[in-house]
Amino acid sequence: MCDMTEQERLAAYDRMYGDLLLERDRVRAELDRLRTAGKQKGATYQQLLAQKLTVQNLIGRFEIYGIRET
């Protein structure tokens, strides 16, 4: 296990949460693009939809512990 200070560990959680928010926005934009192109039944769309749900679940877990979007 990595030896981190409490401050470093908190900063890592903050970075991870920020990265999840960026990934969520990127996936949403790509889903919108594919939807506009009428490609909702394609494999890429389905994979992105699953990724979106996974990312939303992770963000939700952060929010359960009081970490929210600002």
N, C-alpha and C. Protein backbone atom coordinates (compact mmCIF):
# COMPACT_ATOMS: atom_id res chain seq x y z
N MET A 1 0.84 -1.18 0.00
CA MET A 1 0.00 0.00 0.00
C MET A 1 0.88 1.24 0.00
N CYS A 2 0.39 2.28 -0.60
CA CYS A 2 1.13 3.52 -0.76
C CYS A 2 1.07 4.34 0.54
N ASP A 3 2.21 4.89 0.93
CA ASP A 3 2.24 5.75 2.11
C ASP A 3 1.93 7.17 1.69
N MET A 4 0.74 7.65 2.04
CA MET A 4 0.32 9.01 1.72
C MET A 4 -0.07 9.70 3.00
N THR A 5 0.13 10.99 3.00
CA THR A 5 -0.38 11.77 4.12
C THR A 5 -1.89 11.89 3.95
N GLU A 6 -2.56 12.28 4.99
CA GLU A 6 -4.01 12.48 4.92
C GLU A 6 -4.35 13.54 3.88
N GLN A 7 -3.54 14.58 3.81
CA GLN A 7 -3.78 15.65 2.84
C GLN A 7 -3.61 15.15 1.41
N GLU A 8 -2.60 14.32 1.17
CA GLU A 8 -2.38 13.75 -0.16
C GLU A 8 -3.53 12.81 -0.55
N ARG A 9 -3.98 12.04 0.42
CA ARG A 9 -5.09 11.11 0.17
C ARG A 9 -6.36 11.87 -0.17
N LEU A 10 -6.64 12.93 0.55
CA LEU A 10 -7.82 13.75 0.27
C LEU A 10 -7.71 14.39 -1.11
N ALA A 11 -6.53 14.86 -1.46
CA ALA A 11 -6.32 15.45 -2.78
C ALA A 11 -6.53 14.41 -3.88
N ALA A 12 -6.12 13.17 -3.63
CA ALA A 12 -6.32 12.10 -4.61
C ALA A 12 -7.81 11.83 -4.81
N TYR A 13 -8.58 11.82 -3.73
CA TYR A 13 -10.03 11.64 -3.84
C TYR A 13 -10.65 12.80 -4.61
N ASP A 14 -10.20 14.00 -4.35
CA ASP A 14 -10.72 15.17 -5.08
C ASP A 14 -10.42 15.06 -6.58
N ARG A 15 -9.20 14.63 -6.91
CA ARG A 15 -8.85 14.45 -8.33
C ARG A 15 -9.71 13.36 -8.97
N MET A 16 -9.88 12.27 -8.25
CA MET A 16 -10.68 11.17 -8.78
C MET A 16 -12.11 11.62 -9.03
N TYR A 17 -12.69 12.34 -8.11
CA TYR A 17 -14.06 12.83 -8.26
C TYR A 17 -14.14 13.78 -9.46
N GLY A 18 -13.18 14.68 -9.58
CA GLY A 18 -13.16 15.59 -10.72
C GLY A 18 -13.03 14.85 -12.04
N ASP A 19 -12.20 13.83 -12.07
CA ASP A 19 -12.04 13.03 -13.28
C ASP A 19 -13.33 12.30 -13.63
N LEU A 20 -14.05 11.81 -12.62
CA LEU A 20 -15.34 11.16 -12.88
C LEU A 20 -16.34 12.14 -13.49
N LEU A 21 -16.35 13.37 -12.99
CA LEU A 21 -17.27 14.37 -13.54
C LEU A 21 -16.92 14.68 -15.00
N LEU A 22 -15.62 14.78 -15.30
CA LEU A 22 -15.19 15.03 -16.68
C LEU A 22 -15.56 13.86 -17.58
N GLU A 23 -15.36 12.64 -17.09
CA GLU A 23 -15.70 11.46 -17.88
C GLU A 23 -17.21 11.41 -18.13
N ARG A 24 -17.98 11.72 -17.11
CA ARG A 24 -19.44 11.74 -17.28
C ARG A 24 -19.85 12.71 -18.38
N ASP A 25 -19.27 13.89 -18.37
CA ASP A 25 -19.61 14.90 -19.37
C ASP A 25 -19.17 14.47 -20.77
N ARG A 26 -18.00 13.85 -20.86
CA ARG A 26 -17.50 13.38 -22.15
C ARG A 26 -18.40 12.28 -22.72
N VAL A 27 -18.79 11.34 -21.86
CA VAL A 27 -19.65 10.24 -22.29
C VAL A 27 -21.02 10.77 -22.70
N ARG A 28 -21.57 11.68 -21.95
CA ARG A 28 -22.86 12.28 -22.31
C ARG A 28 -22.80 12.94 -23.67
N ALA A 29 -21.74 13.69 -23.93
CA ALA A 29 -21.59 14.38 -25.21
C ALA A 29 -21.50 13.37 -26.36
N GLU A 30 -20.76 12.30 -26.15
CA GLU A 30 -20.63 11.29 -27.20
C GLU A 30 -21.94 10.57 -27.43
N LEU A 31 -22.67 10.28 -26.36
CA LEU A 31 -24.00 9.66 -26.50
C LEU A 31 -24.94 10.57 -27.28
N ASP A 32 -24.91 11.85 -26.98
CA ASP A 32 -25.75 12.81 -27.71
C ASP A 32 -25.39 12.83 -29.19
N ARG A 33 -24.08 12.81 -29.48
CA ARG A 33 -23.63 12.81 -30.87
C ARG A 33 -24.13 11.58 -31.61
N LEU A 34 -23.99 10.41 -30.98
CA LEU A 34 -24.45 9.17 -31.61
C LEU A 34 -25.97 9.14 -31.76
N ARG A 35 -26.67 9.66 -30.74
CA ARG A 35 -28.13 9.71 -30.80
C ARG A 35 -28.59 10.58 -31.96
N THR A 36 -27.94 11.72 -32.13
CA THR A 36 -28.27 12.62 -33.23
C THR A 36 -28.03 11.96 -34.58
N ALA A 37 -27.02 11.10 -34.65
CA ALA A 37 -26.70 10.38 -35.89
C ALA A 37 -27.57 9.15 -36.07
N GLY A 38 -28.48 8.89 -35.11
CA GLY A 38 -29.38 7.74 -35.22
C GLY A 38 -28.70 6.40 -34.97
N LYS A 39 -27.66 6.41 -34.16
CA LYS A 39 -26.89 5.18 -33.93
C LYS A 39 -27.09 4.61 -32.53
N GLN A 40 -28.33 4.71 -32.01
CA GLN A 40 -28.59 4.22 -30.66
C GLN A 40 -28.50 2.70 -30.54
N LYS A 41 -28.61 1.99 -31.63
CA LYS A 41 -28.59 0.53 -31.56
C LYS A 41 -27.19 -0.05 -31.78
N GLY A 42 -26.22 0.81 -32.03
CA GLY A 42 -24.86 0.34 -32.28
C GLY A 42 -24.16 -0.10 -31.00
N ALA A 43 -23.12 -0.89 -31.19
CA ALA A 43 -22.34 -1.41 -30.06
C ALA A 43 -21.66 -0.28 -29.28
N THR A 44 -21.14 0.71 -29.98
CA THR A 44 -20.47 1.82 -29.31
C THR A 44 -21.43 2.57 -28.40
N TYR A 45 -22.62 2.82 -28.89
CA TYR A 45 -23.64 3.52 -28.09
C TYR A 45 -23.96 2.70 -26.84
N GLN A 46 -24.15 1.41 -27.01
CA GLN A 46 -24.50 0.55 -25.88
C GLN A 46 -23.37 0.50 -24.85
N GLN A 47 -22.14 0.45 -25.33
CA GLN A 47 -20.99 0.44 -24.41
C GLN A 47 -20.89 1.76 -23.65
N LEU A 48 -21.11 2.86 -24.36
CA LEU A 48 -21.07 4.17 -23.69
C LEU A 48 -22.20 4.31 -22.69
N LEU A 49 -23.35 3.78 -23.00
CA LEU A 49 -24.47 3.83 -22.07
C LEU A 49 -24.13 3.08 -20.78
N ALA A 50 -23.51 1.91 -20.92
CA ALA A 50 -23.08 1.15 -19.74
C ALA A 50 -22.02 1.93 -18.95
N GLN A 51 -21.10 2.57 -19.67
CA GLN A 51 -20.06 3.38 -19.01
C GLN A 51 -20.69 4.54 -18.27
N LYS A 52 -21.68 5.18 -18.87
CA LYS A 52 -22.37 6.30 -18.23
C LYS A 52 -23.01 5.86 -16.92
N LEU A 53 -23.66 4.71 -16.94
CA LEU A 53 -24.30 4.21 -15.72
C LEU A 53 -23.28 3.89 -14.63
N THR A 54 -22.16 3.32 -15.04
CA THR A 54 -21.09 3.00 -14.07
C THR A 54 -20.54 4.28 -13.44
N VAL A 55 -20.26 5.28 -14.28
CA VAL A 55 -19.71 6.54 -13.77
C VAL A 55 -20.73 7.23 -12.86
N GLN A 56 -22.00 7.22 -13.26
CA GLN A 56 -23.03 7.84 -12.41
C GLN A 56 -23.13 7.13 -11.07
N ASN A 57 -22.97 5.82 -11.07
CA ASN A 57 -23.00 5.06 -9.82
C ASN A 57 -21.83 5.47 -8.92
N LEU A 58 -20.64 5.61 -9.49
CA LEU A 58 -19.48 6.02 -8.70
C LEU A 58 -19.66 7.44 -8.14
N ILE A 59 -20.16 8.35 -8.97
CA ILE A 59 -20.42 9.71 -8.50
C ILE A 59 -21.44 9.69 -7.37
N GLY A 60 -22.46 8.86 -7.52
CA GLY A 60 -23.48 8.73 -6.48
C GLY A 60 -22.89 8.24 -5.16
N ARG A 61 -21.93 7.34 -5.24
CA ARG A 61 -21.29 6.85 -4.02
C ARG A 61 -20.51 7.96 -3.31
N PHE A 62 -19.85 8.81 -4.08
CA PHE A 62 -19.18 9.96 -3.48
C PHE A 62 -20.21 10.85 -2.78
N GLU A 63 -21.34 11.07 -3.44
CA GLU A 63 -22.37 11.96 -2.89
C GLU A 63 -22.98 11.40 -1.61
N ILE A 64 -23.05 10.08 -1.49
CA ILE A 64 -23.56 9.47 -0.25
C ILE A 64 -22.70 9.92 0.94
N TYR A 65 -21.40 10.10 0.69
CA TYR A 65 -20.48 10.51 1.75
C TYR A 65 -20.28 12.02 1.83
N GLY A 66 -21.16 12.76 1.14
CA GLY A 66 -21.14 14.22 1.26
C GLY A 66 -20.24 14.93 0.28
N ILE A 67 -19.64 14.20 -0.65
CA ILE A 67 -18.79 14.84 -1.66
C ILE A 67 -19.69 15.12 -2.85
N ARG A 68 -19.89 16.39 -3.14
CA ARG A 68 -20.82 16.79 -4.19
C ARG A 68 -20.16 17.72 -5.18
N GLU A 69 -20.80 17.83 -6.35
CA GLU A 69 -20.37 18.77 -7.37
C GLU A 69 -20.46 20.18 -6.84
N THR A 70 -19.51 21.01 -7.23
CA THR A 70 -19.57 22.41 -6.82
C THR A 70 -19.88 23.29 -8.00
